[in-house]
Amino acid sequence: MIELEAKIVLQYDEAKLAAAIAKAVSPDNFKTPSGLSIKTTNEAGKVITQIECYGKFPTFIATIDDLLFCVSIAERALQMTRKL
């Protein structure tokens, strides 16, 4: 079985922003399909997501796409709250 891995690192100028983004994309009770592992951490202004997928390339690509979409939404939401 093929093992696919991705490490996505997003750097932010503010540690508080990175912490908020990491929290927004890390649900409390997230169940993943069998063969898929996702872990997001916040380290010194960086949001680091490690994705591992065994043998399911479409699932792997969809997971990365979903993650980046959720990050984009979280960033926009935080920008809007700063404007208020």
N, C-alpha and C. Protein backbone atom coordinates (compact mmCIF):
# COMPACT_ATOMS: atom_id res chain seq x y z
N MET A 1 0.84 -1.18 0.00
CA MET A 1 0.00 0.00 0.00
C MET A 1 0.89 1.25 0.00
N ILE A 2 0.52 2.24 -0.78
CA ILE A 2 1.29 3.48 -0.91
C ILE A 2 1.04 4.38 0.30
N GLU A 3 2.12 4.90 0.87
CA GLU A 3 1.99 5.87 1.95
C GLU A 3 2.29 7.26 1.40
N LEU A 4 1.34 8.16 1.59
CA LEU A 4 1.48 9.53 1.13
C LEU A 4 1.59 10.44 2.35
N GLU A 5 2.51 11.40 2.31
CA GLU A 5 2.70 12.31 3.43
C GLU A 5 2.84 13.73 2.93
N ALA A 6 2.32 14.66 3.72
CA ALA A 6 2.50 16.08 3.44
C ALA A 6 2.71 16.80 4.76
N LYS A 7 3.61 17.74 4.75
CA LYS A 7 3.80 18.63 5.89
C LYS A 7 3.60 20.04 5.35
N ILE A 8 2.56 20.69 5.85
CA ILE A 8 2.23 22.04 5.38
C ILE A 8 2.54 23.01 6.51
N VAL A 9 3.41 23.97 6.22
CA VAL A 9 3.82 24.96 7.21
C VAL A 9 3.40 26.34 6.73
N LEU A 10 2.58 27.01 7.54
CA LEU A 10 2.13 28.36 7.24
C LEU A 10 2.71 29.31 8.27
N GLN A 11 3.45 30.31 7.83
CA GLN A 11 4.13 31.25 8.71
C GLN A 11 3.31 32.53 8.82
N TYR A 12 3.11 33.01 10.05
CA TYR A 12 2.37 34.25 10.30
C TYR A 12 3.25 35.24 11.06
N ASP A 13 3.00 36.53 10.85
CA ASP A 13 3.77 37.57 11.53
C ASP A 13 3.44 37.64 13.02
N GLU A 14 2.24 37.25 13.37
CA GLU A 14 1.80 37.32 14.77
C GLU A 14 1.52 35.93 15.32
N ALA A 15 2.08 35.64 16.48
CA ALA A 15 1.87 34.34 17.12
C ALA A 15 0.39 34.12 17.47
N LYS A 16 -0.30 35.20 17.86
CA LYS A 16 -1.73 35.08 18.20
C LYS A 16 -2.55 34.68 16.98
N LEU A 17 -2.20 35.21 15.83
CA LEU A 17 -2.91 34.86 14.59
C LEU A 17 -2.67 33.39 14.26
N ALA A 18 -1.45 32.93 14.37
CA ALA A 18 -1.13 31.53 14.10
C ALA A 18 -1.89 30.62 15.05
N ALA A 19 -1.96 31.00 16.31
CA ALA A 19 -2.69 30.19 17.30
C ALA A 19 -4.17 30.12 16.96
N ALA A 20 -4.74 31.24 16.54
CA ALA A 20 -6.17 31.27 16.18
C ALA A 20 -6.44 30.41 14.95
N ILE A 21 -5.57 30.48 13.95
CA ILE A 21 -5.74 29.69 12.73
C ILE A 21 -5.62 28.20 13.06
N ALA A 22 -4.63 27.83 13.85
CA ALA A 22 -4.44 26.43 14.22
C ALA A 22 -5.66 25.90 14.96
N LYS A 23 -6.19 26.71 15.87
CA LYS A 23 -7.37 26.28 16.62
C LYS A 23 -8.59 26.16 15.70
N ALA A 24 -8.71 27.06 14.75
CA ALA A 24 -9.87 27.05 13.84
C ALA A 24 -9.89 25.81 12.95
N VAL A 25 -8.72 25.31 12.58
CA VAL A 25 -8.68 24.16 11.66
C VAL A 25 -8.46 22.83 12.39
N SER A 26 -8.51 22.85 13.71
CA SER A 26 -8.33 21.64 14.52
C SER A 26 -9.58 21.39 15.36
N PRO A 27 -10.60 20.76 14.79
CA PRO A 27 -11.82 20.49 15.56
C PRO A 27 -11.54 19.62 16.78
N ASP A 28 -12.37 19.77 17.81
CA ASP A 28 -12.19 19.03 19.06
C ASP A 28 -12.38 17.53 18.90
N ASN A 29 -13.40 17.12 18.18
CA ASN A 29 -13.69 15.69 18.06
C ASN A 29 -13.77 15.30 16.58
N PHE A 30 -12.63 15.26 15.95
CA PHE A 30 -12.54 15.02 14.52
C PHE A 30 -12.22 13.56 14.24
N LYS A 31 -13.11 12.88 13.54
CA LYS A 31 -12.86 11.50 13.14
C LYS A 31 -12.43 11.49 11.68
N THR A 32 -11.37 10.78 11.41
CA THR A 32 -10.89 10.67 10.03
C THR A 32 -11.21 9.28 9.49
N PRO A 33 -11.31 9.17 8.19
CA PRO A 33 -11.51 7.85 7.59
C PRO A 33 -10.31 6.94 7.88
N SER A 34 -10.52 5.67 7.81
CA SER A 34 -9.44 4.70 8.01
C SER A 34 -8.30 4.98 7.03
N GLY A 35 -7.08 4.96 7.53
CA GLY A 35 -5.92 5.18 6.68
C GLY A 35 -5.53 6.64 6.51
N LEU A 36 -6.20 7.54 7.23
CA LEU A 36 -5.90 8.98 7.11
C LEU A 36 -5.60 9.53 8.50
N SER A 37 -4.52 10.29 8.60
CA SER A 37 -4.13 10.91 9.86
C SER A 37 -3.81 12.38 9.61
N ILE A 38 -4.37 13.27 10.46
CA ILE A 38 -4.14 14.70 10.32
C ILE A 38 -3.82 15.26 11.70
N LYS A 39 -2.73 16.00 11.80
CA LYS A 39 -2.37 16.63 13.08
C LYS A 39 -1.90 18.06 12.79
N THR A 40 -2.52 19.02 13.48
CA THR A 40 -2.15 20.43 13.31
C THR A 40 -1.64 20.96 14.64
N THR A 41 -0.50 21.64 14.59
CA THR A 41 0.07 22.26 15.77
C THR A 41 0.42 23.72 15.48
N ASN A 42 0.64 24.45 16.55
CA ASN A 42 1.02 25.86 16.45
C ASN A 42 2.36 26.00 17.17
N GLU A 43 3.37 26.46 16.45
CA GLU A 43 4.70 26.60 17.02
C GLU A 43 5.33 27.93 16.59
N ALA A 44 5.46 28.85 17.52
CA ALA A 44 6.18 30.11 17.30
C ALA A 44 5.76 30.83 16.02
N GLY A 45 4.49 31.09 15.87
CA GLY A 45 4.00 31.82 14.71
C GLY A 45 3.80 30.98 13.46
N LYS A 46 3.92 29.67 13.60
CA LYS A 46 3.73 28.77 12.46
C LYS A 46 2.57 27.82 12.76
N VAL A 47 1.77 27.56 11.74
CA VAL A 47 0.75 26.52 11.80
C VAL A 47 1.30 25.36 10.98
N ILE A 48 1.50 24.23 11.65
CA ILE A 48 2.11 23.07 11.00
C ILE A 48 1.09 21.93 10.98
N THR A 49 0.79 21.45 9.78
CA THR A 49 -0.14 20.33 9.64
C THR A 49 0.58 19.17 8.97
N GLN A 50 0.51 18.03 9.62
CA GLN A 50 1.09 16.80 9.10
C GLN A 50 -0.06 15.90 8.66
N ILE A 51 -0.03 15.49 7.40
CA ILE A 51 -1.08 14.62 6.84
C ILE A 51 -0.42 13.33 6.37
N GLU A 52 -1.00 12.21 6.77
CA GLU A 52 -0.55 10.90 6.30
C GLU A 52 -1.75 10.14 5.77
N CYS A 53 -1.58 9.54 4.61
CA CYS A 53 -2.68 8.81 3.98
C CYS A 53 -2.09 7.55 3.36
N TYR A 54 -2.78 6.44 3.55
CA TYR A 54 -2.29 5.16 3.06
C TYR A 54 -3.11 4.68 1.87
N GLY A 55 -2.53 4.82 0.67
CA GLY A 55 -3.09 4.22 -0.53
C GLY A 55 -4.26 4.91 -1.19
N LYS A 56 -4.67 6.08 -0.73
CA LYS A 56 -5.86 6.74 -1.30
C LYS A 56 -5.48 8.14 -1.79
N PHE A 57 -4.93 8.22 -2.97
CA PHE A 57 -4.47 9.50 -3.50
C PHE A 57 -5.59 10.55 -3.59
N PRO A 58 -6.80 10.21 -4.08
CA PRO A 58 -7.87 11.22 -4.13
C PRO A 58 -8.22 11.76 -2.74
N THR A 59 -8.22 10.90 -1.72
CA THR A 59 -8.50 11.33 -0.35
C THR A 59 -7.40 12.26 0.13
N PHE A 60 -6.17 11.94 -0.17
CA PHE A 60 -5.01 12.75 0.21
C PHE A 60 -5.12 14.15 -0.38
N ILE A 61 -5.37 14.24 -1.67
CA ILE A 61 -5.49 15.55 -2.34
C ILE A 61 -6.69 16.32 -1.81
N ALA A 62 -7.82 15.66 -1.62
CA ALA A 62 -9.02 16.33 -1.10
C ALA A 62 -8.79 16.86 0.31
N THR A 63 -8.05 16.13 1.12
CA THR A 63 -7.75 16.57 2.48
C THR A 63 -6.90 17.83 2.47
N ILE A 64 -5.89 17.88 1.63
CA ILE A 64 -5.06 19.08 1.51
C ILE A 64 -5.90 20.25 1.03
N ASP A 65 -6.72 20.02 0.03
CA ASP A 65 -7.60 21.07 -0.50
C ASP A 65 -8.54 21.59 0.59
N ASP A 66 -9.16 20.69 1.34
CA ASP A 66 -10.07 21.09 2.42
C ASP A 66 -9.34 21.89 3.49
N LEU A 67 -8.15 21.45 3.86
CA LEU A 67 -7.37 22.16 4.87
C LEU A 67 -7.08 23.59 4.43
N LEU A 68 -6.58 23.74 3.22
CA LEU A 68 -6.23 25.07 2.73
C LEU A 68 -7.46 25.96 2.57
N PHE A 69 -8.58 25.39 2.19
CA PHE A 69 -9.82 26.16 2.12
C PHE A 69 -10.24 26.64 3.51
N CYS A 70 -10.16 25.76 4.51
CA CYS A 70 -10.52 26.14 5.88
C CYS A 70 -9.58 27.21 6.43
N VAL A 71 -8.31 27.11 6.12
CA VAL A 71 -7.34 28.13 6.55
C VAL A 71 -7.71 29.47 5.92
N SER A 72 -8.04 29.46 4.64
CA SER A 72 -8.41 30.69 3.94
C SER A 72 -9.65 31.34 4.58
N ILE A 73 -10.64 30.54 4.90
CA ILE A 73 -11.85 31.05 5.55
C ILE A 73 -11.52 31.63 6.93
N ALA A 74 -10.70 30.92 7.70
CA ALA A 74 -10.32 31.40 9.03
C ALA A 74 -9.55 32.73 8.93
N GLU A 75 -8.65 32.83 7.97
CA GLU A 75 -7.90 34.08 7.78
C GLU A 75 -8.83 35.24 7.44
N ARG A 76 -9.78 34.99 6.55
CA ARG A 76 -10.73 36.05 6.18
C ARG A 76 -11.61 36.45 7.36
N ALA A 77 -12.04 35.48 8.13
CA ALA A 77 -12.87 35.79 9.31
C ALA A 77 -12.09 36.64 10.31
N LEU A 78 -10.84 36.30 10.52
CA LEU A 78 -10.01 37.08 11.45
C LEU A 78 -9.76 38.49 10.92
N GLN A 79 -9.56 38.62 9.61
CA GLN A 79 -9.38 39.95 9.01
C GLN A 79 -10.63 40.80 9.20
N MET A 80 -11.79 40.19 9.04
CA MET A 80 -13.05 40.92 9.20
C MET A 80 -13.24 41.38 10.64
N THR A 81 -12.89 40.55 11.60
CA THR A 81 -13.06 40.94 12.99
C THR A 81 -12.12 42.06 13.38
N ARG A 82 -10.97 42.13 12.74
CA ARG A 82 -10.03 43.23 13.01
C ARG A 82 -10.57 44.57 12.50
N LYS A 83 -11.37 44.49 11.44
CA LYS A 83 -11.93 45.71 10.85
C LYS A 83 -13.07 46.28 11.70
N LEU A 84 -13.70 45.43 12.53
CA LEU A 84 -14.84 45.87 13.33
C LEU A 84 -14.43 46.69 14.49
